[in-house]
């Protein structure tokens, strides 16, 4: 399979997945989207394996690494600051916004724990 065919395969899978998820959300069926995503990931893997040409190289991996690091450096402090502000104004805000502050705070903690776990794993591996 050529790179062009891989891109077409990927586009068709994305459109089909969007249609199935949209239909199942309107129908109120929570099982179908999970199954559809799993099937789409499997089919995407098969399309990628069938491609003989080079899809990505070291440069693209380096760009991914830099983009993810920049995202972490930007979003985590912003989310943490928003959580602190929402939690400090908890008495003056609605219950939903106070809950959002707690959810943001816990989300930042979980993401940092996952990041530190991967960092320690890769620092030992390399």
PDB file of N, CA and C in Angstrom:
ATOM      1  N   UNK A   1       0.850  -1.172   0.000  1.00  0.00           N
ATOM      2  CA  UNK A   1       0.000   0.000   0.000  1.00  0.00           C
ATOM      3  C   UNK A   1       0.892   1.230   0.000  1.00  0.00           C
ATOM      4  N   UNK A   2       0.522   2.240  -0.772  1.00  0.00           N
ATOM      5  CA  UNK A   2       1.295   3.472  -0.835  1.00  0.00           C
ATOM      6  C   UNK A   2       0.890   4.408   0.304  1.00  0.00           C
ATOM      7  N   UNK A   3       1.657   5.457   0.472  1.00  0.00           N
ATOM      8  CA  UNK A   3       1.348   6.437   1.507  1.00  0.00           C
ATOM      9  C   UNK A   3       0.025   7.125   1.209  1.00  0.00           C
ATOM     10  N   UNK A   4      -0.230   7.370  -0.063  1.00  0.00           N
ATOM     11  CA  UNK A   4      -1.494   8.000  -0.454  1.00  0.00           C
ATOM     12  C   UNK A   4      -2.676   7.110  -0.089  1.00  0.00           C
ATOM     13  N   UNK A   5      -2.576   5.833  -0.344  1.00  0.00           N
ATOM     14  CA  UNK A   5      -3.654   4.905   0.008  1.00  0.00           C
ATOM     15  C   UNK A   5      -3.824   4.816   1.532  1.00  0.00           C
ATOM     16  N   UNK A   6      -2.718   4.906   2.255  1.00  0.00           N
ATOM     17  CA  UNK A   6      -2.785   4.898   3.717  1.00  0.00           C
ATOM     18  C   UNK A   6      -3.571   6.114   4.210  1.00  0.00           C
ATOM     19  N   UNK A   7      -3.314   7.271   3.613  1.00  0.00           N
ATOM     20  CA  UNK A   7      -4.042   8.483   4.013  1.00  0.00           C
ATOM     21  C   UNK A   7      -5.525   8.362   3.677  1.00  0.00           C
ATOM     22  N   UNK A   8      -5.850   7.761   2.538  1.00  0.00           N
ATOM     23  CA  UNK A   8      -7.252   7.555   2.177  1.00  0.00           C
ATOM     24  C   UNK A   8      -7.899   6.579   3.156  1.00  0.00           C
ATOM     25  N   UNK A   9      -7.206   5.506   3.475  1.00  0.00           N
ATOM     26  CA  UNK A   9      -7.712   4.518   4.435  1.00  0.00           C
ATOM     27  C   UNK A   9      -7.976   5.172   5.786  1.00  0.00           C
ATOM     28  N   UNK A  10      -7.038   6.005   6.225  1.00  0.00           N
ATOM     29  CA  UNK A  10      -7.181   6.696   7.497  1.00  0.00           C
ATOM     30  C   UNK A  10      -8.375   7.651   7.470  1.00  0.00           C
ATOM     31  N   UNK A  11      -8.540   8.395   6.372  1.00  0.00           N
ATOM     32  CA  UNK A  11      -9.657   9.334   6.261  1.00  0.00           C
ATOM     33  C   UNK A  11     -10.998   8.603   6.265  1.00  0.00           C
ATOM     34  N   UNK A  12     -11.079   7.493   5.552  1.00  0.00           N
ATOM     35  CA  UNK A  12     -12.325   6.718   5.520  1.00  0.00           C
ATOM     36  C   UNK A  12     -12.647   6.176   6.908  1.00  0.00           C
ATOM     37  N   UNK A  13     -11.635   5.691   7.620  1.00  0.00           N
ATOM     38  CA  UNK A  13     -11.869   5.181   8.971  1.00  0.00           C
ATOM     39  C   UNK A  13     -12.332   6.287   9.917  1.00  0.00           C
ATOM     40  N   UNK A  14     -11.753   7.459   9.796  1.00  0.00           N
ATOM     41  CA  UNK A  14     -12.145   8.573  10.670  1.00  0.00           C
ATOM     42  C   UNK A  14     -13.589   8.980  10.393  1.00  0.00           C
ATOM     43  N   UNK A  15     -13.957   9.095   9.129  1.00  0.00           N
ATOM     44  CA  UNK A  15     -15.335   9.470   8.786  1.00  0.00           C
ATOM     45  C   UNK A  15     -16.309   8.397   9.264  1.00  0.00           C
ATOM     46  N   UNK A  16     -15.990   7.136   9.035  1.00  0.00           N
ATOM     47  CA  UNK A  16     -16.875   6.055   9.474  1.00  0.00           C
ATOM     48  C   UNK A  16     -17.003   6.045  10.996  1.00  0.00           C
ATOM     49  N   UNK A  17     -15.899   6.261  11.689  1.00  0.00           N
ATOM     50  CA  UNK A  17     -15.948   6.296  13.151  1.00  0.00           C
ATOM     51  C   UNK A  17     -16.794   7.468  13.633  1.00  0.00           C
ATOM     52  N   UNK A  18     -16.658   8.621  13.004  1.00  0.00           N
ATOM     53  CA  UNK A  18     -17.465   9.781  13.395  1.00  0.00           C
ATOM     54  C   UNK A  18     -18.954   9.516  13.181  1.00  0.00           C
ATOM     55  N   UNK A  19     -19.286   8.873  12.081  1.00  0.00           N
ATOM     56  CA  UNK A  19     -20.699   8.561  11.815  1.00  0.00           C
ATOM     57  C   UNK A  19     -21.242   7.585  12.849  1.00  0.00           C
ATOM     58  N   UNK A  20     -20.481   6.540  13.147  1.00  0.00           N
ATOM     59  CA  UNK A  20     -20.949   5.530  14.108  1.00  0.00           C
ATOM     60  C   UNK A  20     -21.073   6.130  15.502  1.00  0.00           C
ATOM     61  N   UNK A  21     -20.099   6.925  15.921  1.00  0.00           N
ATOM     62  CA  UNK A  21     -20.163   7.527  17.257  1.00  0.00           C
ATOM     63  C   UNK A  21     -21.307   8.527  17.329  1.00  0.00           C
ATOM     64  N   UNK A  22     -21.467   9.347  16.290  1.00  0.00           N
ATOM     65  CA  UNK A  22     -22.576  10.303  16.282  1.00  0.00           C
ATOM     66  C   UNK A  22     -23.928   9.620  16.348  1.00  0.00           C
ATOM     67  N   UNK A  23     -24.087   8.552  15.572  1.00  0.00           N
ATOM     68  CA  UNK A  23     -25.342   7.812  15.599  1.00  0.00           C
ATOM     69  C   UNK A  23     -25.602   7.189  16.961  1.00  0.00           C
ATOM     70  N   UNK A  24     -24.566   6.588  17.547  1.00  0.00           N
ATOM     71  CA  UNK A  24     -24.767   5.901  18.824  1.00  0.00           C
ATOM     72  C   UNK A  24     -25.012   6.872  19.968  1.00  0.00           C
ATOM     73  N   UNK A  25     -24.434   8.069  19.888  1.00  0.00           N
ATOM     74  CA  UNK A  25     -24.703   9.065  20.934  1.00  0.00           C
ATOM     75  C   UNK A  25     -26.153   9.521  20.855  1.00  0.00           C
ATOM     76  N   UNK A  26     -26.639   9.754  19.637  1.00  0.00           N
ATOM     77  CA  UNK A  26     -28.046  10.163  19.520  1.00  0.00           C
ATOM     78  C   UNK A  26     -28.985   9.030  19.889  1.00  0.00           C
ATOM     79  N   UNK A  27     -28.573   7.790  19.658  1.00  0.00           N
ATOM     80  CA  UNK A  27     -29.405   6.644  20.022  1.00  0.00           C
ATOM     81  C   UNK A  27     -29.296   6.315  21.501  1.00  0.00           C
ATOM     82  N   UNK A  28     -28.278   6.833  22.176  1.00  0.00           N
ATOM     83  CA  UNK A  28     -28.111   6.581  23.602  1.00  0.00           C
ATOM     84  C   UNK A  28     -27.482   5.244  23.922  1.00  0.00           C
ATOM     85  N   UNK A  29     -26.681   4.713  23.013  1.00  0.00           N
ATOM     86  CA  UNK A  29     -26.035   3.419  23.225  1.00  0.00           C
ATOM     87  C   UNK A  29     -24.557   3.641  23.544  1.00  0.00           C
ATOM     88  N   UNK A  30     -24.114   3.418  24.791  1.00  0.00           N
ATOM     89  CA  UNK A  30     -22.719   3.690  25.147  1.00  0.00           C
ATOM     90  C   UNK A  30     -21.745   2.577  24.753  1.00  0.00           C
ATOM     91  N   UNK A  31     -22.221   1.415  24.390  1.00  0.00           N
ATOM     92  CA  UNK A  31     -21.333   0.299  24.073  1.00  0.00           C
ATOM     93  C   UNK A  31     -20.773   0.417  22.660  1.00  0.00           C
ATOM     94  N   UNK A  32     -21.585   0.913  21.741  1.00  0.00           N
ATOM     95  CA  UNK A  32     -21.182   0.974  20.334  1.00  0.00           C
ATOM     96  C   UNK A  32     -19.955   1.868  20.117  1.00  0.00           C
ATOM     97  N   UNK A  33     -19.855   3.075  20.716  1.00  0.00           N
ATOM     98  CA  UNK A  33     -18.659   3.883  20.479  1.00  0.00           C
ATOM     99  C   UNK A  33     -17.372   3.215  20.956  1.00  0.00           C
ATOM    100  N   UNK A  34     -17.424   2.547  22.086  1.00  0.00           N
ATOM    101  CA  UNK A  34     -16.225   1.881  22.601  1.00  0.00           C
ATOM    102  C   UNK A  34     -15.791   0.773  21.642  1.00  0.00           C
ATOM    103  N   UNK A  35     -16.743  -0.004  21.180  1.00  0.00           N
ATOM    104  CA  UNK A  35     -16.445  -1.069  20.226  1.00  0.00           C
ATOM    105  C   UNK A  35     -15.955  -0.498  18.902  1.00  0.00           C
ATOM    106  N   UNK A  36     -16.593   0.580  18.446  1.00  0.00           N
ATOM    107  CA  UNK A  36     -16.202   1.197  17.175  1.00  0.00           C
ATOM    108  C   UNK A  36     -14.790   1.760  17.235  1.00  0.00           C
ATOM    109  N   UNK A  37     -14.426   2.363  18.342  1.00  0.00           N
ATOM    110  CA  UNK A  37     -13.060   2.899  18.487  1.00  0.00           C
ATOM    111  C   UNK A  37     -12.055   1.759  18.491  1.00  0.00           C
ATOM    112  N   UNK A  38     -12.356   0.674  19.188  1.00  0.00           N
ATOM    113  CA  UNK A  38     -11.441  -0.467  19.216  1.00  0.00           C
ATOM    114  C   UNK A  38     -11.272  -1.067  17.824  1.00  0.00           C
ATOM    115  N   UNK A  39     -12.358  -1.206  17.078  1.00  0.00           N
ATOM    116  CA  UNK A  39     -12.273  -1.740  15.721  1.00  0.00           C
ATOM    117  C   UNK A  39     -11.499  -0.790  14.815  1.00  0.00           C
ATOM    118  N   UNK A  40     -11.747   0.518  14.945  1.00  0.00           N
ATOM    119  CA  UNK A  40     -11.047   1.501  14.120  1.00  0.00           C
ATOM    120  C   UNK A  40      -9.550   1.511  14.404  1.00  0.00           C
ATOM    121  N   UNK A  41      -9.169   1.372  15.665  1.00  0.00           N
ATOM    122  CA  UNK A  41      -7.744   1.319  16.009  1.00  0.00           C
ATOM    123  C   UNK A  41      -7.104   0.076  15.401  1.00  0.00           C
ATOM    124  N   UNK A  42      -7.786  -1.036  15.475  1.00  0.00           N
ATOM    125  CA  UNK A  42      -7.261  -2.263  14.875  1.00  0.00           C
ATOM    126  C   UNK A  42      -7.116  -2.159  13.370  1.00  0.00           C
ATOM    127  N   UNK A  43      -8.129  -1.607  12.701  1.00  0.00           N
ATOM    128  CA  UNK A  43      -8.052  -1.436  11.252  1.00  0.00           C
ATOM    129  C   UNK A  43      -6.966  -0.438  10.857  1.00  0.00           C
ATOM    130  N   UNK A  44      -6.789   0.610  11.664  1.00  0.00           N
ATOM    131  CA  UNK A  44      -5.725   1.584  11.394  1.00  0.00           C
ATOM    132  C   UNK A  44      -4.357   0.919  11.519  1.00  0.00           C
ATOM    133  N   UNK A  45      -4.218   0.054  12.503  1.00  0.00           N
ATOM    134  CA  UNK A  45      -2.963  -0.674  12.669  1.00  0.00           C
ATOM    135  C   UNK A  45      -2.691  -1.560  11.459  1.00  0.00           C
ATOM    136  N   UNK A  46      -3.720  -2.241  10.978  1.00  0.00           N
ATOM    137  CA  UNK A  46      -3.552  -3.088   9.800  1.00  0.00           C
ATOM    138  C   UNK A  46      -3.203  -2.269   8.556  1.00  0.00           C
ATOM    139  N   UNK A  47      -3.832  -1.127   8.386  1.00  0.00           N
ATOM    140  CA  UNK A  47      -3.500  -0.257   7.244  1.00  0.00           C
ATOM    141  C   UNK A  47      -2.059   0.229   7.333  1.00  0.00           C
ATOM    142  N   UNK A  48      -1.629   0.565   8.523  1.00  0.00           N
ATOM    143  CA  UNK A  48      -0.260   1.063   8.703  1.00  0.00           C
ATOM    144  C   UNK A  48       0.759  -0.039   8.422  1.00  0.00           C
ATOM    145  N   UNK A  49       0.464  -1.246   8.855  1.00  0.00           N
ATOM    146  CA  UNK A  49       1.393  -2.365   8.609  1.00  0.00           C
ATOM    147  C   UNK A  49       1.474  -2.729   7.143  1.00  0.00           C
ATOM    148  N   UNK A  50       0.402  -2.508   6.403  1.00  0.00           N
ATOM    149  CA  UNK A  50       0.386  -2.845   4.986  1.00  0.00           C
ATOM    150  C   UNK A  50       1.113  -1.816   4.130  1.00  0.00           C
ATOM    151  N   UNK A  51       1.471  -0.689   4.718  1.00  0.00           N
ATOM    152  CA  UNK A  51       2.160   0.367   3.975  1.00  0.00           C
ATOM    153  C   UNK A  51       3.643   0.039   3.889  1.00  0.00           C
ATOM    154  N   UNK A  52       4.169   0.007   2.656  1.00  0.00           N
ATOM    155  CA  UNK A  52       5.582  -0.312   2.467  1.00  0.00           C
ATOM    156  C   UNK A  52       6.477   0.915   2.597  1.00  0.00           C
ATOM    157  N   UNK A  53       5.947   2.094   2.331  1.00  0.00           N
ATOM    158  CA  UNK A  53       6.748   3.313   2.355  1.00  0.00           C
ATOM    159  C   UNK A  53       6.937   3.799   3.790  1.00  0.00           C
ATOM    160  N   UNK A  54       7.886   4.705   3.960  1.00  0.00           N
ATOM    161  CA  UNK A  54       8.162   5.283   5.272  1.00  0.00           C
ATOM    162  C   UNK A  54       7.085   6.326   5.572  1.00  0.00           C
ATOM    163  N   UNK A  55       6.399   6.140   6.691  1.00  0.00           N
ATOM    164  CA  UNK A  55       5.338   7.069   7.073  1.00  0.00           C
ATOM    165  C   UNK A  55       5.894   8.161   7.978  1.00  0.00           C
ATOM    166  N   UNK A  56       6.721   7.793   8.916  1.00  0.00           N
ATOM    167  CA  UNK A  56       7.340   8.790   9.785  1.00  0.00           C
ATOM    168  C   UNK A  56       8.784   8.400  10.053  1.00  0.00           C
ATOM    169  N   UNK A  57       9.565   9.400  10.426  1.00  0.00           N
ATOM    170  CA  UNK A  57      10.983   9.179  10.657  1.00  0.00           C
ATOM    171  C   UNK A  57      11.386   9.826  11.979  1.00  0.00           C
ATOM    172  N   UNK A  58      12.693   9.927  12.212  1.00  0.00           N
ATOM    173  CA  UNK A  58      13.190  10.468  13.477  1.00  0.00           C
ATOM    174  C   UNK A  58      12.803  11.929  13.657  1.00  0.00           C
ATOM    175  N   UNK A  59      12.751  12.672  12.555  1.00  0.00           N
ATOM    176  CA  UNK A  59      12.393  14.090  12.638  1.00  0.00           C
ATOM    177  C   UNK A  59      10.969  14.250  13.153  1.00  0.00           C
ATOM    178  N   UNK A  60      10.057  13.450  12.643  1.00  0.00           N
ATOM    179  CA  UNK A  60       8.666  13.540  13.078  1.00  0.00           C
ATOM    180  C   UNK A  60       8.536  13.121  14.535  1.00  0.00           C
ATOM    181  N   UNK A  61       9.284  12.101  14.947  1.00  0.00           N
ATOM    182  CA  UNK A  61       9.258  11.703  16.360  1.00  0.00           C
ATOM    183  C   UNK A  61       9.803  12.811  17.251  1.00  0.00           C
ATOM    184  N   UNK A  62      10.820  13.496  16.803  1.00  0.00           N
ATOM    185  CA  UNK A  62      11.380  14.606  17.566  1.00  0.00           C
ATOM    186  C   UNK A  62      10.364  15.748  17.674  1.00  0.00           C
ATOM    187  N   UNK A  63       9.650  16.016  16.589  1.00  0.00           N
ATOM    188  CA  UNK A  63       8.622  17.055  16.618  1.00  0.00           C
ATOM    189  C   UNK A  63       7.506  16.666  17.592  1.00  0.00           C
ATOM    190  N   UNK A  64       7.094  15.386  17.589  1.00  0.00           N
ATOM    191  CA  UNK A  64       6.086  14.905  18.540  1.00  0.00           C
ATOM    192  C   UNK A  64       6.550  15.124  19.983  1.00  0.00           C
ATOM    193  N   UNK A  65       7.798  14.788  20.252  1.00  0.00           N
ATOM    194  CA  UNK A  65       8.323  14.946  21.599  1.00  0.00           C
ATOM    195  C   UNK A  65       8.325  16.399  22.031  1.00  0.00           C
ATOM    196  N   UNK A  66       8.758  17.290  21.151  1.00  0.00           N
ATOM    197  CA  UNK A  66       8.797  18.708  21.488  1.00  0.00           C
ATOM    198  C   UNK A  66       7.391  19.271  21.669  1.00  0.00           C
ATOM    199  N   UNK A  67       6.459  18.848  20.816  1.00  0.00           N
ATOM    200  CA  UNK A  67       5.082  19.334  20.925  1.00  0.00           C
ATOM    201  C   UNK A  67       4.424  18.856  22.213  1.00  0.00           C
ATOM    202  N   UNK A  68       4.649  17.599  22.580  1.00  0.00           N
ATOM    203  CA  UNK A  68       4.036  17.097  23.812  1.00  0.00           C
ATOM    204  C   UNK A  68       4.657  17.756  25.046  1.00  0.00           C
ATOM    205  N   UNK A  69       5.957  17.994  25.015  1.00  0.00           N
ATOM    206  CA  UNK A  69       6.594  18.677  26.140  1.00  0.00           C
ATOM    207  C   UNK A  69       6.091  20.108  26.265  1.00  0.00           C
ATOM    208  N   UNK A  70       5.933  20.803  25.147  1.00  0.00           N
ATOM    209  CA  UNK A  70       5.416  22.166  25.191  1.00  0.00           C
ATOM    210  C   UNK A  70       3.970  22.196  25.681  1.00  0.00           C
ATOM    211  N   UNK A  71       3.192  21.210  25.289  1.00  0.00           N
ATOM    212  CA  UNK A  71       1.811  21.119  25.750  1.00  0.00           C
ATOM    213  C   UNK A  71       1.759  20.919  27.258  1.00  0.00           C
ATOM    214  N   UNK A  72       2.612  20.029  27.763  1.00  0.00           N
ATOM    215  CA  UNK A  72       2.660  19.800  29.211  1.00  0.00           C
ATOM    216  C   UNK A  72       3.075  21.075  29.948  1.00  0.00           C
ATOM    217  N   UNK A  73       4.075  21.769  29.417  1.00  0.00           N
ATOM    218  CA  UNK A  73       4.555  22.982  30.083  1.00  0.00           C
ATOM    219  C   UNK A  73       3.527  24.098  30.050  1.00  0.00           C
ATOM    220  N   UNK A  74       2.654  24.111  29.065  1.00  0.00           N
ATOM    221  CA  UNK A  74       1.655  25.171  28.972  1.00  0.00           C
ATOM    222  C   UNK A  74       0.374  24.823  29.720  1.00  0.00           C
ATOM    223  N   UNK A  75      -0.163  23.629  29.479  1.00  0.00           N
ATOM    224  CA  UNK A  75      -1.487  23.304  30.002  1.00  0.00           C
ATOM    225  C   UNK A  75      -1.512  22.947  31.482  1.00  0.00           C
ATOM    226  N   UNK A  76      -0.508  22.234  31.960  1.00  0.00           N
ATOM    227  CA  UNK A  76      -0.545  21.829  33.372  1.00  0.00           C
ATOM    228  C   UNK A  76      -0.516  23.017  34.324  1.00  0.00           C
ATOM    229  N   UNK A  77       0.380  23.991  34.146  1.00  0.00           N
ATOM    230  CA  UNK A  77       0.302  25.151  35.048  1.00  0.00           C
ATOM    231  C   UNK A  77      -1.004  25.940  34.899  1.00  0.00           C
ATOM    232  N   UNK A  78      -1.523  26.039  33.663  1.00  0.00           N
ATOM    233  CA  UNK A  78      -2.788  26.748  33.466  1.00  0.00           C
ATOM    234  C   UNK A  78      -3.932  26.028  34.165  1.00  0.00           C
ATOM    235  N   UNK A  79      -3.964  24.698  34.045  1.00  0.00           N
ATOM    236  CA  UNK A  79      -5.004  23.922  34.717  1.00  0.00           C
ATOM    237  C   UNK A  79      -4.848  24.000  36.234  1.00  0.00           C
ATOM    238  N   UNK A  80      -3.615  23.947  36.706  1.00  0.00           N
ATOM    239  CA  UNK A  80      -3.382  24.060  38.144  1.00  0.00           C
ATOM    240  C   UNK A  80      -3.812  25.417  38.678  1.00  0.00           C
ATOM    241  N   UNK A  81      -3.490  26.485  37.942  1.00  0.00           N
ATOM    242  CA  UNK A  81      -3.892  27.832  38.355  1.00  0.00           C
ATOM    243  C   UNK A  81      -5.410  27.971  38.350  1.00  0.00           C
ATOM    244  N   UNK A  82      -6.058  27.442  37.325  1.00  0.00           N
ATOM    245  CA  UNK A  82      -7.522  27.495  37.272  1.00  0.00           C
ATOM    246  C   UNK A  82      -8.135  26.716  38.441  1.00  0.00           C
ATOM    247  N   UNK A  83      -7.544  25.584  38.785  1.00  0.00           N
ATOM    248  CA  UNK A  83      -8.050  24.799  39.916  1.00  0.00           C
ATOM    249  C   UNK A  83      -7.902  25.572  41.219  1.00  0.00           C
ATOM    250  N   UNK A  84      -6.760  26.207  41.418  1.00  0.00           N
ATOM    251  CA  UNK A  84      -6.538  26.981  42.646  1.00  0.00           C
ATOM    252  C   UNK A  84      -7.515  28.147  42.735  1.00  0.00           C
ATOM    253  N   UNK A  85      -7.722  28.843  41.611  1.00  0.00           N
ATOM    254  CA  UNK A  85      -8.660  29.970  41.613  1.00  0.00           C
ATOM    255  C   UNK A  85     -10.077  29.493  41.899  1.00  0.00           C
ATOM    256  N   UNK A  86     -10.502  28.435  41.239  1.00  0.00           N
ATOM    257  CA  UNK A  86     -11.860  27.932  41.462  1.00  0.00           C
ATOM    258  C   UNK A  86     -12.044  27.420  42.886  1.00  0.00           C
ATOM    259  N   UNK A  87     -11.037  26.761  43.429  1.00  0.00           N
ATOM    260  CA  UNK A  87     -11.162  26.254  44.798  1.00  0.00           C
ATOM    261  C   UNK A  87     -11.097  27.364  45.835  1.00  0.00           C
ATOM    262  N   UNK A  88     -10.341  28.419  45.541  1.00  0.00           N
ATOM    263  CA  UNK A  88     -10.283  29.520  46.511  1.00  0.00           C
ATOM    264  C   UNK A  88     -11.561  30.351  46.500  1.00  0.00           C
ATOM    265  N   UNK A  89     -12.272  30.366  45.390  1.00  0.00           N
ATOM    266  CA  UNK A  89     -13.544  31.088  45.309  1.00  0.00           C
ATOM    267  C   UNK A  89     -14.745  30.151  45.455  1.00  0.00           C
ATOM    268  N   UNK A  90     -14.516  29.039  46.073  1.00  0.00           N
ATOM    269  CA  UNK A  90     -15.529  27.972  46.158  1.00  0.00           C
ATOM    270  C   UNK A  90     -16.820  28.436  46.840  1.00  0.00           C
ATOM    271  N   UNK A  91     -16.718  29.264  47.866  1.00  0.00           N
ATOM    272  CA  UNK A  91     -17.903  29.703  48.590  1.00  0.00           C
ATOM    273  C   UNK A  91     -18.765  30.648  47.760  1.00  0.00           C
ATOM    274  N   UNK A  92     -18.151  31.387  46.834  1.00  0.00           N
ATOM    275  CA  UNK A  92     -18.888  32.371  46.043  1.00  0.00           C
ATOM    276  C   UNK A  92     -19.383  31.817  44.711  1.00  0.00           C
ATOM    277  N   UNK A  93     -18.970  30.617  44.348  1.00  0.00           N
ATOM    278  CA  UNK A  93     -19.329  30.045  43.055  1.00  0.00           C
ATOM    279  C   UNK A  93     -20.393  28.966  43.209  1.00  0.00           C
ATOM    280  N   UNK A  94     -20.911  28.529  42.092  1.00  0.00           N
ATOM    281  CA  UNK A  94     -21.896  27.452  42.122  1.00  0.00           C
ATOM    282  C   UNK A  94     -21.206  26.125  42.443  1.00  0.00           C
ATOM    283  N   UNK A  95     -21.998  25.133  42.735  1.00  0.00           N
ATOM    284  CA  UNK A  95     -21.476  23.818  43.093  1.00  0.00           C
ATOM    285  C   UNK A  95     -20.744  23.195  41.908  1.00  0.00           C
ATOM    286  N   UNK A  96     -21.247  23.441  40.703  1.00  0.00           N
ATOM    287  CA  UNK A  96     -20.630  22.865  39.511  1.00  0.00           C
ATOM    288  C   UNK A  96     -19.219  23.407  39.297  1.00  0.00           C
ATOM    289  N   UNK A  97     -19.038  24.717  39.513  1.00  0.00           N
ATOM    290  CA  UNK A  97     -17.707  25.292  39.331  1.00  0.00           C
ATOM    291  C   UNK A  97     -16.742  24.828  40.425  1.00  0.00           C
ATOM    292  N   UNK A  98     -17.238  24.647  41.633  1.00  0.00           N
ATOM    293  CA  UNK A  98     -16.388  24.106  42.700  1.00  0.00           C
ATOM    294  C   UNK A  98     -15.975  22.680  42.370  1.00  0.00           C
ATOM    295  N   UNK A  99     -16.904  21.901  41.845  1.00  0.00           N
ATOM    296  CA  UNK A  99     -16.588  20.537  41.422  1.00  0.00           C
ATOM    297  C   UNK A  99     -15.582  20.547  40.278  1.00  0.00           C
ATOM    298  N   UNK A 100     -15.719  21.496  39.352  1.00  0.00           N
ATOM    299  CA  UNK A 100     -14.770  21.619  38.250  1.00  0.00           C
ATOM    300  C   UNK A 100     -13.374  21.933  38.779  1.00  0.00           C
ATOM    301  N   UNK A 101     -13.273  22.772  39.799  1.00  0.00           N
ATOM    302  CA  UNK A 101     -11.972  23.073  40.401  1.00  0.00           C
ATOM    303  C   UNK A 101     -11.331  21.837  41.004  1.00  0.00           C
ATOM    304  N   UNK A 102     -12.129  21.048  41.711  1.00  0.00           N
ATOM    305  CA  UNK A 102     -11.599  19.805  42.282  1.00  0.00           C
ATOM    306  C   UNK A 102     -11.189  18.826  41.188  1.00  0.00           C
ATOM    307  N   UNK A 103     -12.016  18.709  40.150  1.00  0.00           N
ATOM    308  CA  UNK A 103     -11.695  17.793  39.047  1.00  0.00           C
ATOM    309  C   UNK A 103     -10.420  18.228  38.336  1.00  0.00           C
ATOM    310  N   UNK A 104     -10.248  19.528  38.119  1.00  0.00           N
ATOM    311  CA  UNK A 104      -9.015  20.025  37.498  1.00  0.00           C
ATOM    312  C   UNK A 104      -7.802  19.737  38.375  1.00  0.00           C
ATOM    313  N   UNK A 105      -7.953  19.951  39.671  1.00  0.00           N
ATOM    314  CA  UNK A 105      -6.840  19.690  40.588  1.00  0.00           C
ATOM    315  C   UNK A 105      -6.423  18.222  40.575  1.00  0.00           C
ATOM    316  N   UNK A 106      -7.400  17.332  40.651  1.00  0.00           N
ATOM    317  CA  UNK A 106      -7.088  15.902  40.603  1.00  0.00           C
ATOM    318  C   UNK A 106      -6.528  15.493  39.245  1.00  0.00           C
ATOM    319  N   UNK A 107      -7.038  16.088  38.177  1.00  0.00           N
ATOM    320  CA  UNK A 107      -6.523  15.769  36.842  1.00  0.00           C
ATOM    321  C   UNK A 107      -5.065  16.169  36.708  1.00  0.00           C
ATOM    322  N   UNK A 108      -4.710  17.326  37.216  1.00  0.00           N
ATOM    323  CA  UNK A 108      -3.310  17.767  37.170  1.00  0.00           C
ATOM    324  C   UNK A 108      -2.436  16.797  37.954  1.00  0.00           C
ATOM    325  N   UNK A 109      -2.899  16.370  39.109  1.00  0.00           N
ATOM    326  CA  UNK A 109      -2.116  15.424  39.910  1.00  0.00           C
ATOM    327  C   UNK A 109      -1.925  14.095  39.183  1.00  0.00           C
ATOM    328  N   UNK A 110      -2.972  13.583  38.560  1.00  0.00           N
ATOM    329  CA  UNK A 110      -2.869  12.304  37.849  1.00  0.00           C
ATOM    330  C   UNK A 110      -1.928  12.425  36.652  1.00  0.00           C
ATOM    331  N   UNK A 111      -2.051  13.511  35.904  1.00  0.00           N
ATOM    332  CA  UNK A 111      -1.172  13.697  34.743  1.00  0.00           C
ATOM    333  C   UNK A 111       0.282  13.818  35.188  1.00  0.00           C
ATOM    334  N   UNK A 112       0.534  14.532  36.270  1.00  0.00           N
ATOM    335  CA  UNK A 112       1.907  14.640  36.766  1.00  0.00           C
ATOM    336  C   UNK A 112       2.441  13.295  37.249  1.00  0.00           C
ATOM    337  N   UNK A 113       1.603  12.497  37.902  1.00  0.00           N
ATOM    338  CA  UNK A 113       2.048  11.173  38.331  1.00  0.00           C
ATOM    339  C   UNK A 113       2.374  10.273  37.141  1.00  0.00           C
ATOM    340  N   UNK A 114       1.544  10.318  36.112  1.00  0.00           N
ATOM    341  CA  UNK A 114       1.810   9.529  34.910  1.00  0.00           C
ATOM    342  C   UNK A 114       3.093  10.013  34.247  1.00  0.00           C
ATOM    343  N   UNK A 115       3.267  11.328  34.172  1.00  0.00           N
ATOM    344  CA  UNK A 115       4.480  11.890  33.572  1.00  0.00           C
ATOM    345  C   UNK A 115       5.721  11.457  34.351  1.00  0.00           C
ATOM    346  N   UNK A 116       5.668  11.557  35.662  1.00  0.00           N
ATOM    347  CA  UNK A 116       6.827  11.164  36.470  1.00  0.00           C
ATOM    348  C   UNK A 116       7.115   9.670  36.354  1.00  0.00           C
ATOM    349  N   UNK A 117       6.071   8.861  36.245  1.00  0.00           N
ATOM    350  CA  UNK A 117       6.264   7.427  36.061  1.00  0.00           C
ATOM    351  C   UNK A 117       6.973   7.134  34.748  1.00  0.00           C
ATOM    352  N   UNK A 118       6.485   7.731  33.673  1.00  0.00           N
ATOM    353  CA  UNK A 118       7.139   7.528  32.380  1.00  0.00           C
ATOM    354  C   UNK A 118       8.544   8.102  32.360  1.00  0.00           C
ATOM    355  N   UNK A 119       8.737   9.247  33.009  1.00  0.00           N
ATOM    356  CA  UNK A 119      10.070   9.856  33.046  1.00  0.00           C
ATOM    357  C   UNK A 119      11.058   8.943  33.756  1.00  0.00           C
ATOM    358  N   UNK A 120      10.648   8.392  34.891  1.00  0.00           N
ATOM    359  CA  UNK A 120      11.572   7.514  35.610  1.00  0.00           C
ATOM    360  C   UNK A 120      11.819   6.232  34.835  1.00  0.00           C
ATOM    361  N   UNK A 121      10.805   5.712  34.163  1.00  0.00           N
ATOM    362  CA  UNK A 121      10.974   4.493  33.363  1.00  0.00           C
ATOM    363  C   UNK A 121      11.959   4.737  32.219  1.00  0.00           C
ATOM    364  N   UNK A 122      11.752   5.810  31.474  1.00  0.00           N
ATOM    365  CA  UNK A 122      12.615   6.063  30.318  1.00  0.00           C
ATOM    366  C   UNK A 122      14.005   6.510  30.733  1.00  0.00           C
ATOM    367  N   UNK A 123      14.152   7.153  31.878  1.00  0.00           N
ATOM    368  CA  UNK A 123      15.488   7.552  32.314  1.00  0.00           C
ATOM    369  C   UNK A 123      16.306   6.327  32.709  1.00  0.00           C
ATOM    370  N   UNK A 124      15.666   5.295  33.211  1.00  0.00           N
ATOM    371  CA  UNK A 124      16.378   4.049  33.531  1.00  0.00           C
ATOM    372  C   UNK A 124      16.668   3.243  32.269  1.00  0.00           C
ATOM    373  N   UNK A 125      15.731   3.283  31.325  1.00  0.00           N
ATOM    374  CA  UNK A 125      15.850   2.488  30.111  1.00  0.00           C
ATOM    375  C   UNK A 125      16.962   3.021  29.198  1.00  0.00           C
ATOM    376  N   UNK A 126      17.067   4.340  29.117  1.00  0.00           N
ATOM    377  CA  UNK A 126      18.043   4.934  28.184  1.00  0.00           C
ATOM    378  C   UNK A 126      19.329   5.178  28.839  1.00  0.00           C
TER     379      UNK A 126
END
